N, C-alpha and C. Protein backbone atom coordinates (compact mmCIF):
# COMPACT_ATOMS: atom_id res chain seq x y z
N MET A 1 -4.29 -42.11 -7.59
CA MET A 1 -3.06 -41.45 -7.72
C MET A 1 -2.79 -40.56 -6.51
N ILE A 2 -3.74 -39.99 -6.08
CA ILE A 2 -3.47 -38.94 -4.95
C ILE A 2 -3.11 -39.92 -3.66
N LEU A 3 -3.85 -40.99 -3.47
CA LEU A 3 -3.44 -41.87 -2.26
C LEU A 3 -2.09 -42.42 -2.53
N ASN A 4 -1.60 -42.60 -3.64
CA ASN A 4 -0.32 -43.17 -4.02
C ASN A 4 0.65 -42.01 -3.43
N HIS A 5 0.53 -40.72 -3.86
CA HIS A 5 1.35 -39.65 -3.34
C HIS A 5 1.48 -39.76 -1.76
N LYS A 6 0.31 -39.88 -1.22
CA LYS A 6 0.17 -40.00 0.38
C LYS A 6 1.13 -41.08 0.70
N PHE A 7 0.84 -42.38 0.17
CA PHE A 7 1.82 -43.42 0.61
C PHE A 7 3.21 -43.22 0.32
N ALA A 8 3.57 -42.65 -0.77
CA ALA A 8 4.94 -42.29 -1.12
C ALA A 8 5.56 -41.28 -0.06
N PHE A 9 4.77 -40.27 0.23
CA PHE A 9 5.22 -39.27 1.31
C PHE A 9 5.42 -39.92 2.56
N ASP A 10 4.44 -40.70 2.99
CA ASP A 10 4.48 -41.54 4.44
C ASP A 10 5.62 -42.36 4.27
N THR A 11 6.09 -42.98 3.21
CA THR A 11 7.25 -43.83 3.13
C THR A 11 8.47 -43.00 3.26
N ILE A 12 8.57 -41.94 2.52
CA ILE A 12 9.73 -40.99 2.59
C ILE A 12 9.87 -40.61 3.96
N LEU A 13 8.85 -40.12 4.56
CA LEU A 13 9.03 -39.82 6.01
C LEU A 13 9.53 -40.82 6.91
N ALA A 14 9.13 -41.87 6.77
CA ALA A 14 9.43 -43.06 7.56
C ALA A 14 10.92 -43.66 7.26
N HIS A 15 11.25 -43.44 5.93
CA HIS A 15 12.43 -44.13 5.38
C HIS A 15 13.13 -43.10 4.53
N PRO A 16 13.55 -41.99 4.82
CA PRO A 16 14.26 -41.04 3.82
C PRO A 16 15.58 -41.62 3.41
N PRO A 17 16.11 -41.38 2.22
CA PRO A 17 17.32 -41.94 1.76
C PRO A 17 18.36 -41.45 2.64
N LYS A 18 19.61 -42.07 2.86
CA LYS A 18 20.60 -41.63 3.65
C LYS A 18 21.33 -40.61 2.89
N PRO A 19 21.62 -39.47 3.60
CA PRO A 19 22.43 -38.45 2.89
C PRO A 19 23.56 -38.89 2.14
N ASN A 20 23.61 -38.67 0.86
CA ASN A 20 24.72 -38.90 -0.03
C ASN A 20 24.93 -40.49 -0.18
N HIS A 21 23.83 -41.17 0.01
CA HIS A 21 23.68 -42.52 -0.26
C HIS A 21 22.42 -43.11 -0.86
N LEU A 22 22.10 -42.20 -1.93
CA LEU A 22 20.92 -42.68 -2.72
C LEU A 22 21.24 -43.85 -3.58
N THR A 23 20.26 -44.80 -3.71
CA THR A 23 20.37 -45.94 -4.63
C THR A 23 19.46 -46.07 -5.64
N THR A 24 19.68 -46.93 -6.66
CA THR A 24 18.70 -47.17 -7.67
C THR A 24 17.40 -47.83 -7.07
N ASN A 25 17.64 -48.69 -6.11
CA ASN A 25 16.48 -49.42 -5.44
C ASN A 25 15.63 -48.48 -4.86
N TYR A 26 16.10 -47.41 -4.16
CA TYR A 26 15.36 -46.37 -3.42
C TYR A 26 14.43 -45.70 -4.58
N ILE A 27 14.91 -45.36 -5.63
CA ILE A 27 14.18 -44.64 -6.74
C ILE A 27 13.15 -45.68 -7.29
N ARG A 28 13.66 -46.92 -7.56
CA ARG A 28 12.57 -48.01 -8.04
C ARG A 28 11.47 -48.10 -6.98
N GLU A 29 11.77 -48.22 -5.81
CA GLU A 29 10.49 -48.44 -4.84
C GLU A 29 9.69 -47.17 -4.60
N LEU A 30 10.34 -45.99 -4.77
CA LEU A 30 9.56 -44.85 -4.83
C LEU A 30 8.50 -44.78 -5.94
N HIS A 31 9.06 -45.09 -7.11
CA HIS A 31 8.25 -45.25 -8.39
C HIS A 31 7.20 -46.22 -8.27
N GLN A 32 7.47 -47.33 -7.69
CA GLN A 32 6.54 -48.43 -7.57
C GLN A 32 5.49 -47.95 -6.74
N THR A 33 5.71 -47.29 -5.62
CA THR A 33 4.66 -46.72 -4.65
C THR A 33 3.81 -45.72 -5.49
N LEU A 34 4.34 -44.99 -6.20
CA LEU A 34 3.55 -43.99 -6.94
C LEU A 34 2.69 -44.55 -8.14
N ILE A 35 3.13 -45.68 -8.66
CA ILE A 35 2.25 -46.13 -9.76
C ILE A 35 1.37 -47.39 -9.33
N GLN A 36 1.33 -47.89 -8.03
CA GLN A 36 0.50 -49.05 -7.77
C GLN A 36 -0.84 -48.88 -8.12
N LYS A 37 -1.40 -49.78 -8.56
CA LYS A 37 -2.78 -49.89 -9.08
C LYS A 37 -3.12 -48.97 -10.24
N LEU A 38 -2.07 -48.46 -10.90
CA LEU A 38 -2.41 -47.66 -12.09
C LEU A 38 -2.07 -48.26 -13.38
N GLU A 39 -2.00 -49.61 -13.39
CA GLU A 39 -1.73 -50.38 -14.60
C GLU A 39 -0.63 -49.86 -15.44
N VAL A 40 0.53 -49.52 -14.71
CA VAL A 40 1.66 -49.17 -15.33
C VAL A 40 2.74 -50.10 -14.96
N SER A 41 3.62 -50.45 -16.02
CA SER A 41 4.74 -51.36 -15.62
C SER A 41 5.70 -50.80 -14.61
N ALA A 42 6.25 -51.61 -13.98
CA ALA A 42 7.34 -51.16 -13.00
C ALA A 42 8.69 -51.49 -13.53
N GLY A 43 9.71 -51.05 -12.93
CA GLY A 43 11.10 -51.29 -13.45
C GLY A 43 11.47 -50.31 -14.53
N LEU A 44 12.68 -50.42 -14.90
CA LEU A 44 13.26 -49.41 -16.01
C LEU A 44 12.69 -49.90 -17.27
N ARG A 45 12.25 -48.78 -17.98
CA ARG A 45 11.58 -49.01 -19.22
C ARG A 45 12.62 -49.55 -20.46
N ASN A 46 12.02 -50.51 -21.25
CA ASN A 46 12.85 -50.98 -22.40
C ASN A 46 12.27 -50.79 -23.74
N HIS A 47 11.70 -49.73 -23.81
CA HIS A 47 11.06 -49.27 -25.02
C HIS A 47 11.05 -47.80 -25.20
N PRO A 48 10.79 -47.25 -26.39
CA PRO A 48 10.97 -45.80 -26.60
C PRO A 48 9.73 -45.16 -26.12
N VAL A 49 9.81 -43.88 -25.60
CA VAL A 49 8.73 -43.03 -25.16
C VAL A 49 8.89 -41.72 -25.72
N GLY A 50 7.85 -40.96 -25.97
CA GLY A 50 7.83 -39.58 -26.40
C GLY A 50 7.32 -38.61 -25.47
N ILE A 51 7.63 -37.47 -25.57
CA ILE A 51 7.21 -36.42 -24.62
C ILE A 51 6.12 -35.55 -25.36
N THR A 52 4.93 -35.64 -24.84
CA THR A 52 3.81 -34.67 -25.55
C THR A 52 4.22 -33.26 -25.54
N GLY A 53 4.02 -32.70 -26.71
CA GLY A 53 4.51 -31.21 -26.71
C GLY A 53 5.84 -30.96 -26.97
N SER A 54 6.78 -32.05 -27.14
CA SER A 54 8.12 -31.82 -27.27
C SER A 54 8.80 -32.72 -28.41
N GLN A 55 9.88 -32.27 -28.92
CA GLN A 55 10.54 -33.04 -30.04
C GLN A 55 11.62 -33.80 -29.31
N TYR A 56 11.87 -33.64 -28.04
CA TYR A 56 12.87 -34.40 -27.33
C TYR A 56 12.44 -35.85 -27.33
N LEU A 57 13.47 -36.83 -27.73
CA LEU A 57 13.25 -38.19 -27.55
C LEU A 57 14.33 -38.75 -26.64
N PRO A 58 13.60 -39.25 -25.46
CA PRO A 58 14.55 -39.83 -24.35
C PRO A 58 15.26 -41.07 -24.92
N LEU A 59 16.32 -41.41 -24.22
CA LEU A 59 16.95 -42.76 -24.65
C LEU A 59 15.99 -43.80 -24.56
N ASP A 60 16.26 -44.80 -25.69
CA ASP A 60 15.33 -45.80 -25.92
C ASP A 60 15.93 -47.13 -25.47
N ASN A 61 17.17 -47.34 -25.00
CA ASN A 61 17.83 -48.48 -24.79
C ASN A 61 18.02 -48.72 -23.30
N GLU A 62 17.46 -49.83 -22.82
CA GLU A 62 17.35 -50.07 -21.28
C GLU A 62 18.93 -49.93 -20.67
N TRP A 63 19.91 -50.17 -21.44
CA TRP A 63 21.20 -50.27 -20.80
C TRP A 63 21.68 -48.81 -20.67
N GLN A 64 21.44 -47.88 -21.71
CA GLN A 64 21.83 -46.66 -21.62
C GLN A 64 20.89 -45.86 -20.64
N ILE A 65 19.73 -46.22 -20.32
CA ILE A 65 18.80 -45.58 -19.33
C ILE A 65 19.51 -46.00 -17.99
N LYS A 66 19.84 -47.25 -17.72
CA LYS A 66 20.43 -47.76 -16.52
C LYS A 66 21.72 -46.78 -16.20
N GLU A 67 22.60 -46.78 -17.29
CA GLU A 67 23.76 -46.00 -17.18
C GLU A 67 23.62 -44.53 -16.80
N SER A 68 22.72 -44.02 -17.50
CA SER A 68 22.38 -42.53 -17.24
C SER A 68 21.81 -42.37 -15.90
N LEU A 69 21.00 -43.22 -15.24
CA LEU A 69 20.33 -43.32 -14.09
C LEU A 69 21.53 -43.42 -13.02
N ASP A 70 22.48 -44.38 -13.34
CA ASP A 70 23.51 -44.63 -12.32
C ASP A 70 24.60 -43.31 -12.23
N GLN A 71 24.75 -42.63 -13.37
CA GLN A 71 25.46 -41.56 -13.47
C GLN A 71 24.84 -40.28 -12.60
N THR A 72 23.48 -40.40 -12.81
CA THR A 72 22.80 -39.24 -12.13
C THR A 72 22.78 -39.58 -10.63
N ILE A 73 22.64 -40.80 -10.16
CA ILE A 73 22.67 -41.06 -8.70
C ILE A 73 24.18 -40.69 -8.14
N ASP A 74 25.15 -41.09 -9.08
CA ASP A 74 26.56 -40.78 -8.53
C ASP A 74 26.71 -39.21 -8.31
N LEU A 75 26.13 -38.50 -9.23
CA LEU A 75 26.27 -36.99 -9.27
C LEU A 75 25.58 -36.55 -7.96
N ILE A 76 24.27 -37.04 -7.81
CA ILE A 76 23.50 -36.48 -6.56
C ILE A 76 24.32 -36.87 -5.38
N ASN A 77 24.94 -38.03 -5.25
CA ASN A 77 25.67 -38.59 -4.11
C ASN A 77 26.98 -37.73 -3.84
N GLN A 78 27.53 -37.22 -4.85
CA GLN A 78 28.65 -36.37 -4.70
C GLN A 78 28.43 -34.96 -4.44
N THR A 79 27.12 -34.62 -4.56
CA THR A 79 26.92 -33.08 -4.43
C THR A 79 26.54 -32.91 -2.87
N LYS A 80 27.04 -31.95 -2.37
CA LYS A 80 26.91 -31.72 -0.90
C LYS A 80 25.56 -30.91 -0.63
N ASP A 81 25.14 -30.01 -1.39
CA ASP A 81 24.17 -29.17 -1.08
C ASP A 81 22.78 -29.91 -1.44
N PRO A 82 21.95 -30.02 -0.35
CA PRO A 82 20.65 -30.74 -0.52
C PRO A 82 19.71 -30.13 -1.43
N TYR A 83 19.83 -28.90 -1.62
CA TYR A 83 18.97 -28.13 -2.64
C TYR A 83 19.37 -28.47 -3.93
N ALA A 84 20.57 -28.45 -4.29
CA ALA A 84 21.28 -28.97 -5.57
C ALA A 84 20.98 -30.55 -5.80
N GLN A 85 21.09 -31.22 -4.93
CA GLN A 85 20.66 -32.56 -5.10
C GLN A 85 19.34 -32.82 -5.49
N ALA A 86 18.30 -32.07 -4.81
CA ALA A 86 17.01 -32.07 -5.22
C ALA A 86 16.74 -31.72 -6.64
N LEU A 87 17.23 -30.47 -7.01
CA LEU A 87 17.09 -30.12 -8.38
C LEU A 87 17.73 -30.83 -9.29
N ILE A 88 18.83 -31.61 -9.06
CA ILE A 88 19.46 -32.65 -10.05
C ILE A 88 18.58 -33.64 -10.26
N ALA A 89 17.99 -34.16 -9.10
CA ALA A 89 16.99 -35.29 -9.14
C ALA A 89 15.92 -34.95 -9.97
N ILE A 90 15.27 -33.98 -9.75
CA ILE A 90 14.02 -33.38 -10.52
C ILE A 90 14.28 -33.32 -11.86
N CYS A 91 15.44 -32.55 -12.36
CA CYS A 91 15.61 -32.45 -13.72
C CYS A 91 16.01 -33.75 -14.43
N MET A 92 16.94 -34.46 -13.81
CA MET A 92 17.59 -35.62 -14.67
C MET A 92 16.56 -36.88 -14.58
N ILE A 93 15.80 -37.14 -13.44
CA ILE A 93 14.83 -38.17 -13.74
C ILE A 93 13.76 -37.75 -14.77
N SER A 94 13.40 -36.53 -14.76
CA SER A 94 12.30 -36.20 -15.76
C SER A 94 13.15 -36.28 -17.16
N TYR A 95 14.33 -36.02 -17.36
CA TYR A 95 15.09 -35.93 -18.57
C TYR A 95 15.30 -37.40 -19.02
N ILE A 96 15.73 -38.15 -18.19
CA ILE A 96 16.01 -39.49 -18.66
C ILE A 96 14.91 -40.51 -18.98
N GLN A 97 13.80 -40.16 -18.10
CA GLN A 97 12.56 -40.80 -18.29
C GLN A 97 12.72 -42.41 -18.13
N PRO A 98 13.27 -42.82 -17.04
CA PRO A 98 13.64 -44.15 -16.92
C PRO A 98 12.43 -45.18 -16.87
N PHE A 99 11.41 -44.66 -16.45
CA PHE A 99 10.18 -45.58 -16.39
C PHE A 99 8.96 -45.31 -17.45
N ALA A 100 8.29 -46.31 -17.56
CA ALA A 100 7.29 -46.03 -18.59
C ALA A 100 6.29 -45.11 -18.48
N ASP A 101 6.11 -44.68 -17.27
CA ASP A 101 5.25 -43.54 -16.85
C ASP A 101 5.41 -43.23 -15.44
N GLY A 102 5.14 -42.05 -15.03
CA GLY A 102 5.34 -41.68 -13.73
C GLY A 102 6.59 -41.00 -13.39
N ASN A 103 7.26 -40.50 -14.38
CA ASN A 103 8.77 -40.08 -14.22
C ASN A 103 8.64 -38.68 -13.60
N LYS A 104 7.82 -37.74 -13.92
CA LYS A 104 7.91 -36.48 -13.22
C LYS A 104 7.39 -36.43 -11.76
N ARG A 105 6.33 -37.33 -11.51
CA ARG A 105 5.90 -37.54 -10.12
C ARG A 105 7.10 -38.14 -9.32
N THR A 106 7.72 -39.20 -9.70
CA THR A 106 8.92 -39.77 -9.12
C THR A 106 9.97 -38.76 -8.95
N ALA A 107 10.21 -37.94 -10.02
CA ALA A 107 11.26 -36.91 -9.87
C ALA A 107 11.07 -35.91 -8.67
N ARG A 108 9.83 -35.39 -8.62
CA ARG A 108 9.42 -34.50 -7.57
C ARG A 108 9.52 -35.04 -6.34
N MET A 109 8.92 -36.33 -6.10
CA MET A 109 8.88 -36.92 -4.80
C MET A 109 10.39 -37.35 -4.38
N LEU A 110 11.14 -37.71 -5.32
CA LEU A 110 12.51 -37.82 -4.95
C LEU A 110 13.22 -36.57 -4.51
N GLY A 111 13.08 -35.51 -5.18
CA GLY A 111 13.46 -34.19 -4.80
C GLY A 111 13.17 -33.95 -3.33
N ASN A 112 11.85 -34.23 -3.09
CA ASN A 112 11.48 -34.02 -1.64
C ASN A 112 12.17 -34.94 -0.70
N ALA A 113 12.34 -36.23 -1.09
CA ALA A 113 13.02 -37.18 -0.21
C ALA A 113 14.31 -36.76 0.07
N LEU A 114 15.12 -36.12 -0.96
CA LEU A 114 16.28 -35.65 -0.68
C LEU A 114 16.42 -34.48 0.30
N LEU A 115 15.30 -33.55 0.17
CA LEU A 115 15.29 -32.43 1.19
C LEU A 115 15.05 -32.87 2.54
N ILE A 116 13.91 -33.75 2.53
CA ILE A 116 13.62 -34.30 3.96
C ILE A 116 14.87 -34.96 4.58
N SER A 117 15.64 -35.68 3.78
CA SER A 117 16.72 -36.59 4.50
C SER A 117 17.76 -35.56 4.95
N GLN A 118 17.61 -34.26 4.68
CA GLN A 118 18.63 -33.15 5.23
C GLN A 118 17.88 -32.23 6.25
N ASN A 119 16.63 -32.82 6.71
CA ASN A 119 15.78 -32.07 7.57
C ASN A 119 15.33 -30.82 7.13
N LEU A 120 15.15 -30.58 5.72
CA LEU A 120 14.55 -29.40 5.05
C LEU A 120 13.17 -29.73 4.64
N LEU A 121 12.39 -28.58 4.55
CA LEU A 121 11.09 -28.72 3.98
C LEU A 121 10.87 -29.21 2.66
N PRO A 122 9.87 -30.15 2.39
CA PRO A 122 9.61 -30.56 0.99
C PRO A 122 8.64 -29.29 0.38
N ILE A 123 8.86 -29.43 -0.97
CA ILE A 123 8.04 -28.38 -1.64
C ILE A 123 6.84 -29.11 -2.44
N SER A 124 5.76 -28.27 -2.56
CA SER A 124 4.43 -28.88 -3.13
C SER A 124 4.21 -28.48 -4.50
N TYR A 125 4.68 -27.55 -4.98
CA TYR A 125 4.42 -27.04 -6.32
C TYR A 125 2.90 -26.42 -6.44
N ARG A 126 2.34 -26.15 -5.27
CA ARG A 126 0.83 -25.72 -5.23
C ARG A 126 0.68 -24.53 -5.96
N THR A 127 1.71 -23.61 -6.20
CA THR A 127 1.52 -22.31 -6.78
C THR A 127 1.98 -22.47 -8.15
N VAL A 128 2.30 -23.39 -8.78
CA VAL A 128 2.87 -23.54 -10.06
C VAL A 128 1.82 -24.14 -11.03
N SER A 129 1.40 -23.45 -12.16
CA SER A 129 0.54 -24.18 -12.96
C SER A 129 1.21 -25.27 -13.70
N GLU A 130 0.34 -26.28 -14.00
CA GLU A 130 0.98 -27.50 -14.69
C GLU A 130 1.57 -27.09 -16.14
N VAL A 131 1.04 -26.24 -16.82
CA VAL A 131 1.52 -25.63 -17.96
C VAL A 131 2.99 -25.11 -17.77
N ALA A 132 3.02 -24.16 -16.99
CA ALA A 132 4.41 -23.69 -16.58
C ALA A 132 5.42 -24.62 -16.17
N TYR A 133 5.00 -25.56 -15.51
CA TYR A 133 5.95 -26.66 -15.12
C TYR A 133 6.44 -27.38 -16.34
N LYS A 134 5.47 -27.82 -17.13
CA LYS A 134 5.86 -28.69 -18.40
C LYS A 134 6.56 -27.81 -19.43
N ASP A 135 6.31 -26.48 -19.43
CA ASP A 135 6.87 -25.66 -20.36
C ASP A 135 8.42 -25.51 -19.85
N ALA A 136 8.55 -25.39 -18.69
CA ALA A 136 9.99 -25.31 -18.16
C ALA A 136 10.79 -26.71 -18.36
N LEU A 137 10.02 -27.74 -18.30
CA LEU A 137 10.81 -29.00 -18.51
C LEU A 137 11.12 -29.19 -20.05
N ILE A 138 10.21 -28.62 -20.86
CA ILE A 138 10.43 -28.66 -22.29
C ILE A 138 11.82 -27.88 -22.71
N VAL A 139 11.74 -26.72 -22.02
CA VAL A 139 12.93 -25.92 -22.33
C VAL A 139 14.18 -26.64 -21.89
N PHE A 140 14.12 -27.30 -20.76
CA PHE A 140 15.17 -28.11 -20.40
C PHE A 140 15.65 -29.26 -21.33
N TYR A 141 14.55 -29.96 -21.73
CA TYR A 141 14.68 -31.16 -22.70
C TYR A 141 15.39 -30.64 -24.03
N GLU A 142 14.87 -29.72 -24.52
CA GLU A 142 15.16 -29.22 -25.99
C GLU A 142 16.22 -28.16 -26.02
N GLN A 143 16.48 -27.41 -25.04
CA GLN A 143 17.51 -26.36 -25.09
C GLN A 143 18.61 -26.52 -24.12
N ASN A 144 18.49 -27.58 -23.18
CA ASN A 144 19.39 -27.91 -22.13
C ASN A 144 19.59 -26.65 -21.37
N THR A 145 18.47 -25.91 -21.18
CA THR A 145 18.45 -24.69 -20.35
C THR A 145 17.74 -24.86 -19.05
N LEU A 146 18.41 -24.72 -18.06
CA LEU A 146 17.88 -25.09 -16.76
C LEU A 146 17.15 -23.84 -16.04
N ALA A 147 17.29 -22.78 -16.48
CA ALA A 147 16.88 -21.59 -15.91
C ALA A 147 15.42 -21.43 -15.46
N PRO A 148 14.45 -21.82 -16.37
CA PRO A 148 12.97 -21.79 -15.94
C PRO A 148 12.61 -22.76 -14.92
N LEU A 149 13.10 -23.79 -15.08
CA LEU A 149 12.92 -25.04 -13.97
C LEU A 149 13.64 -24.55 -12.71
N LYS A 150 14.80 -24.13 -12.70
CA LYS A 150 15.48 -23.65 -11.45
C LYS A 150 14.77 -22.64 -10.80
N GLN A 151 14.17 -21.56 -11.59
CA GLN A 151 13.40 -20.50 -11.09
C GLN A 151 12.17 -21.06 -10.31
N ILE A 152 11.45 -22.07 -10.90
CA ILE A 152 10.29 -22.63 -10.39
C ILE A 152 10.64 -23.29 -8.99
N PHE A 153 11.79 -24.02 -9.09
CA PHE A 153 12.23 -24.69 -7.84
C PHE A 153 12.52 -23.66 -6.75
N ILE A 154 13.19 -22.74 -7.04
CA ILE A 154 13.60 -21.58 -5.97
C ILE A 154 12.37 -21.11 -5.41
N ASP A 155 11.41 -20.53 -6.29
CA ASP A 155 10.26 -20.03 -5.74
C ASP A 155 9.48 -20.89 -4.90
N GLN A 156 9.45 -22.20 -5.22
CA GLN A 156 8.75 -23.25 -4.46
C GLN A 156 9.31 -23.49 -3.08
N VAL A 157 10.75 -23.43 -3.11
CA VAL A 157 11.34 -23.59 -1.83
C VAL A 157 11.11 -22.30 -0.96
N ILE A 158 11.14 -21.12 -1.54
CA ILE A 158 10.83 -20.00 -0.66
C ILE A 158 9.29 -19.78 -0.35
N TYR A 159 8.41 -20.33 -1.37
CA TYR A 159 7.02 -20.57 -0.70
C TYR A 159 6.85 -21.49 0.41
N ALA A 160 7.56 -22.55 0.38
CA ALA A 160 7.41 -23.69 1.49
C ALA A 160 7.89 -23.20 2.76
N ASN A 161 8.97 -22.31 2.76
CA ASN A 161 9.58 -21.89 3.99
C ASN A 161 8.79 -20.77 4.46
N GLN A 162 8.17 -19.95 3.58
CA GLN A 162 7.28 -18.77 4.01
C GLN A 162 5.88 -19.37 4.64
N THR A 163 5.43 -20.35 3.89
CA THR A 163 4.13 -20.87 4.27
C THR A 163 3.89 -21.84 5.18
N TYR A 164 4.83 -22.96 5.32
CA TYR A 164 4.68 -24.04 6.12
C TYR A 164 5.62 -23.94 7.36
N PHE A 165 6.45 -22.87 7.50
CA PHE A 165 7.23 -22.81 8.64
C PHE A 165 7.33 -21.37 9.11
N ARG A 166 6.25 -21.20 9.89
CA ARG A 166 6.24 -19.69 10.44
C ARG A 166 6.64 -19.57 11.81
N ILE A 167 7.47 -18.58 12.14
CA ILE A 167 8.00 -18.48 13.51
C ILE A 167 7.11 -17.35 14.14
N LYS A 168 6.56 -17.56 15.32
CA LYS A 168 5.68 -16.43 15.98
C LYS A 168 6.72 -15.36 16.46
N ASP A 169 6.29 -14.24 16.38
CA ASP A 169 7.12 -13.15 16.71
C ASP A 169 7.39 -12.99 18.17
N ASN A 170 6.50 -13.42 18.91
CA ASN A 170 6.69 -13.38 20.31
C ASN A 170 7.13 -14.61 21.04
N VAL A 171 8.00 -15.49 20.37
CA VAL A 171 8.39 -16.68 21.05
C VAL A 171 9.57 -16.46 21.87
């Protein structure tokens, strides 16, 4: 799985999505890279899934999933701010659950692809506990409240900029 993340990140660096021209194919290919050799079916899901620890039930109809994904892509492409684009991608791909598995990984990597496409730093989530991240997603799924997930995102953007991009004082 870690190698798949590396391959996905290398692919993003070599071929970031064109700003405001995200496509379903780009998301599918990113997902395919993240799940290769993991015995997970590729492509849009055509069966129900559940979310561990949540009562939220994602759409279970492939046509509704495709429609929701298309609407999300349209929203991302119409949004001018790349940070907002990334946050929309992270939230909505996780919410729609378009794939049988690997949705949260795909969502986070897609968010980074959108940031990179605008020459912004990717975020790593290194300082976020897995429990806090999942709890924030469950709040979003069940209460349609974005605040906890948005705060994690903002904190990680700040962390990335303070940690990975340091300007020397005497330059």
